[in-house]
Amino acid sequence: MIRKAKMSDIPQLAEIYKQLHSIHCEIRSDYYKMPSEDFFTTDMEKLLNSEEITVIVSECNSEIAGYTLIYFIEKGEPVNYNLRKCHIEQLAVNEKYRRKGIGTGLITYIKKLAAEKECQSVELGVWCENNNAVEFYSEMGFVPRTYTMEMKIL
C-alpha cells in the first residue's frame, strides 16, 4: 500500500533515511559524513511538518518498505513557458525490500500524482557514481537533462 506518511512512521523512516545516507557516504566520502544518530529522526520530523514537502511511504506487512520526498515547482518567467514540475528530493527503499518492486511502485504513484496536478515532468538529481540508482531511474524512463560538473581543488 502506498500512502502519505504519518508521524508514527518516523522511527522506520529515519532508519531507511540512514541507510540511504550510508550509500551516499560510501559513494562520496569526500562530500558526505555520517551525522549523529538523532539527526535522521529530527530531520524526518521537520520534513513531515513541512508544508512544501510531501512524504509518501510504501508499506508491506505493516512495515515501511520505502519512502519518497517530493515537492511541486511552478515556474514562469519572461524567457520560459509556465511549467509545473514534480521534484523527487529523495527516494529510498529499506535494504531488505530492494529489488522487489517498491521503488517502481513509488515512481508509478509519483507519476500518477504529477499527472493529477498537471505537471509537465517529474525530475530528480542522482550522483553519477550511484550506478544502481542511475540504472533504476533510466529503466523508469528518466533521461539526463543537465549535467552538474565539478572540478576538485583540494
Protein backbone atom coordinates (compact mmCIF):
# COMPACT_ATOMS: atom_id res chain seq x y z
CA MET A 1 0.00 0.00 0.00
CA ILE A 2 1.25 3.48 -0.84
CA ARG A 3 0.08 6.36 1.31
CA LYS A 4 1.07 9.68 2.80
CA ALA A 5 3.45 9.32 5.77
CA LYS A 6 2.28 9.76 9.35
CA MET A 7 4.22 10.93 12.40
CA SER A 8 4.09 7.38 13.77
CA ASP A 9 6.17 6.28 10.74
CA ILE A 10 9.17 8.40 11.81
CA PRO A 11 11.26 5.66 13.51
CA GLN A 12 11.08 3.42 10.43
CA LEU A 13 11.56 6.34 8.03
CA ALA A 14 14.61 7.52 9.98
CA GLU A 15 16.19 4.06 9.67
CA ILE A 16 15.66 3.93 5.90
CA TYR A 17 16.92 7.53 5.60
CA LYS A 18 20.08 6.44 7.46
CA GLN A 19 20.52 3.52 5.01
CA LEU A 20 20.21 5.94 2.07
CA HIS A 21 22.69 8.35 3.60
CA SER A 22 25.16 5.50 4.20
CA ILE A 23 25.13 4.79 0.46
CA HIS A 24 25.86 8.45 -0.23
CA CYS A 25 28.71 8.38 2.31
CA GLU A 26 30.22 5.34 0.55
CA ILE A 27 29.91 6.88 -2.91
CA ARG A 28 31.09 10.39 -1.98
CA SER A 29 33.09 10.13 1.25
CA ASP A 30 34.72 13.43 0.30
CA TYR A 31 31.32 15.14 0.35
CA TYR A 32 29.16 13.32 2.91
CA LYS A 33 29.75 12.36 6.52
CA MET A 34 27.59 10.36 8.91
CA PRO A 35 25.78 12.70 11.33
CA SER A 36 24.74 11.88 14.88
CA GLU A 37 22.15 9.14 15.34
CA ASP A 38 19.32 11.53 16.25
CA PHE A 39 19.78 13.60 13.07
CA PHE A 40 17.67 11.24 10.94
CA THR A 41 14.72 11.29 13.35
CA THR A 42 14.87 15.07 13.84
CA ASP A 43 15.21 15.78 10.11
CA MET A 44 12.36 13.41 9.25
CA GLU A 45 10.14 15.19 11.80
CA LYS A 46 10.92 18.51 10.09
CA LEU A 47 10.15 17.02 6.68
CA LEU A 48 6.79 15.62 7.82
CA ASN A 49 5.90 19.02 9.29
CA SER A 50 6.90 20.89 6.13
CA GLU A 51 4.16 22.42 4.00
CA GLU A 52 6.31 22.25 0.86
CA ILE A 53 7.47 18.61 1.07
CA THR A 54 5.18 15.60 0.72
CA VAL A 55 6.42 12.35 2.26
CA ILE A 56 4.96 9.22 0.72
CA VAL A 57 5.56 5.69 2.01
CA SER A 58 5.24 2.20 0.61
CA GLU A 59 4.03 -0.21 3.27
CA CYS A 60 4.41 -4.01 3.21
CA ASN A 61 3.20 -6.25 6.01
CA SER A 62 2.64 -3.24 8.32
CA GLU A 63 6.26 -2.16 7.78
CA ILE A 64 7.59 0.83 5.84
CA ALA A 65 9.42 -0.68 2.86
CA GLY A 66 10.37 2.62 1.23
CA TYR A 67 9.60 6.31 1.02
CA THR A 68 9.92 9.31 -1.22
CA LEU A 69 10.08 13.05 -0.59
CA ILE A 70 8.53 15.15 -3.33
CA TYR A 71 7.59 18.76 -3.93
CA PHE A 72 5.99 20.68 -6.74
CA ILE A 73 7.51 23.59 -8.63
CA GLU A 74 5.62 26.12 -10.67
CA LYS A 75 7.76 28.36 -12.80
CA GLY A 76 7.05 31.04 -15.33
CA GLU A 77 9.32 33.84 -16.43
CA PRO A 78 9.59 36.12 -19.43
CA VAL A 79 12.03 33.69 -21.10
CA ASN A 80 10.31 30.43 -20.06
CA TYR A 81 6.92 28.90 -20.59
CA ASN A 82 4.86 28.32 -17.48
CA LEU A 83 5.97 24.97 -16.16
CA ARG A 84 4.69 22.77 -13.39
CA LYS A 85 7.08 20.03 -12.27
CA CYS A 86 7.23 17.39 -9.58
CA HIS A 87 10.68 17.07 -8.00
CA ILE A 88 11.79 13.90 -6.22
CA GLU A 89 14.11 15.03 -3.44
CA GLN A 90 14.70 11.53 -2.05
CA LEU A 91 13.61 8.02 -2.88
CA ALA A 92 14.79 5.25 -0.56
CA VAL A 93 13.94 1.59 -0.12
CA ASN A 94 14.72 -0.42 3.01
CA GLU A 95 17.64 -2.69 2.15
CA LYS A 96 15.60 -5.84 2.91
CA TYR A 97 12.95 -4.78 0.35
CA ARG A 98 15.25 -3.75 -2.51
CA ARG A 99 14.66 -5.24 -5.96
CA LYS A 100 11.11 -6.23 -5.00
CA GLY A 101 9.21 -3.52 -6.91
CA ILE A 102 8.96 -0.96 -4.09
CA GLY A 103 10.83 1.77 -5.97
CA THR A 104 8.88 1.05 -9.14
CA GLY A 105 5.62 1.34 -7.20
CA LEU A 106 6.68 4.67 -5.71
CA ILE A 107 7.66 6.06 -9.13
CA THR A 108 4.33 4.88 -10.59
CA TYR A 109 2.48 6.61 -7.75
CA ILE A 110 4.50 9.82 -8.24
CA LYS A 111 3.77 9.84 -11.99
CA LYS A 112 0.04 9.49 -11.29
CA LEU A 113 0.12 12.25 -8.67
CA ALA A 114 2.11 14.52 -11.02
CA ALA A 115 -0.40 13.92 -13.82
CA GLU A 116 -3.30 14.76 -11.47
CA LYS A 117 -1.53 18.04 -10.61
CA GLU A 118 -1.00 18.71 -14.34
CA CYS A 119 2.79 18.60 -14.13
CA GLN A 120 4.74 18.52 -17.38
CA SER A 121 7.52 16.41 -15.87
CA VAL A 122 9.00 14.61 -12.88
CA GLU A 123 12.64 15.38 -12.14
CA LEU A 124 15.34 14.35 -9.69
CA GLY A 125 19.06 14.52 -9.07
CA VAL A 126 21.28 11.46 -8.76
CA TRP A 127 25.05 11.08 -8.26
CA CYS A 128 26.71 9.73 -11.42
CA GLU A 129 28.69 7.35 -9.20
CA ASN A 130 25.49 5.79 -7.83
CA ASN A 131 25.29 3.18 -10.58
CA ASN A 132 22.36 1.25 -9.09
CA ALA A 133 20.23 4.40 -8.82
CA VAL A 134 21.21 5.65 -12.30
CA GLU A 135 20.28 2.26 -13.78
CA PHE A 136 16.97 2.15 -11.89
CA TYR A 137 15.93 5.67 -12.89
CA SER A 138 16.92 5.01 -16.51
CA GLU A 139 14.73 1.88 -16.51
CA MET A 140 11.88 4.02 -15.15
CA GLY A 141 12.19 6.37 -18.14
CA PHE A 142 14.28 9.20 -16.69
CA VAL A 143 16.87 10.70 -19.03
CA PRO A 144 19.70 13.14 -18.32
CA ARG A 145 18.66 16.72 -18.98
CA THR A 146 21.53 18.71 -17.46
CA TYR A 147 24.95 17.89 -16.09
CA THR A 148 26.43 19.33 -12.93
CA MET A 149 30.17 19.31 -13.41
CA GLU A 150 32.78 19.53 -10.70
CA MET A 151 36.47 20.37 -10.57
CA LYS A 152 38.11 19.37 -7.30
CA ILE A 153 40.65 21.86 -5.99
CA LEU A 154 41.63 20.37 -2.62
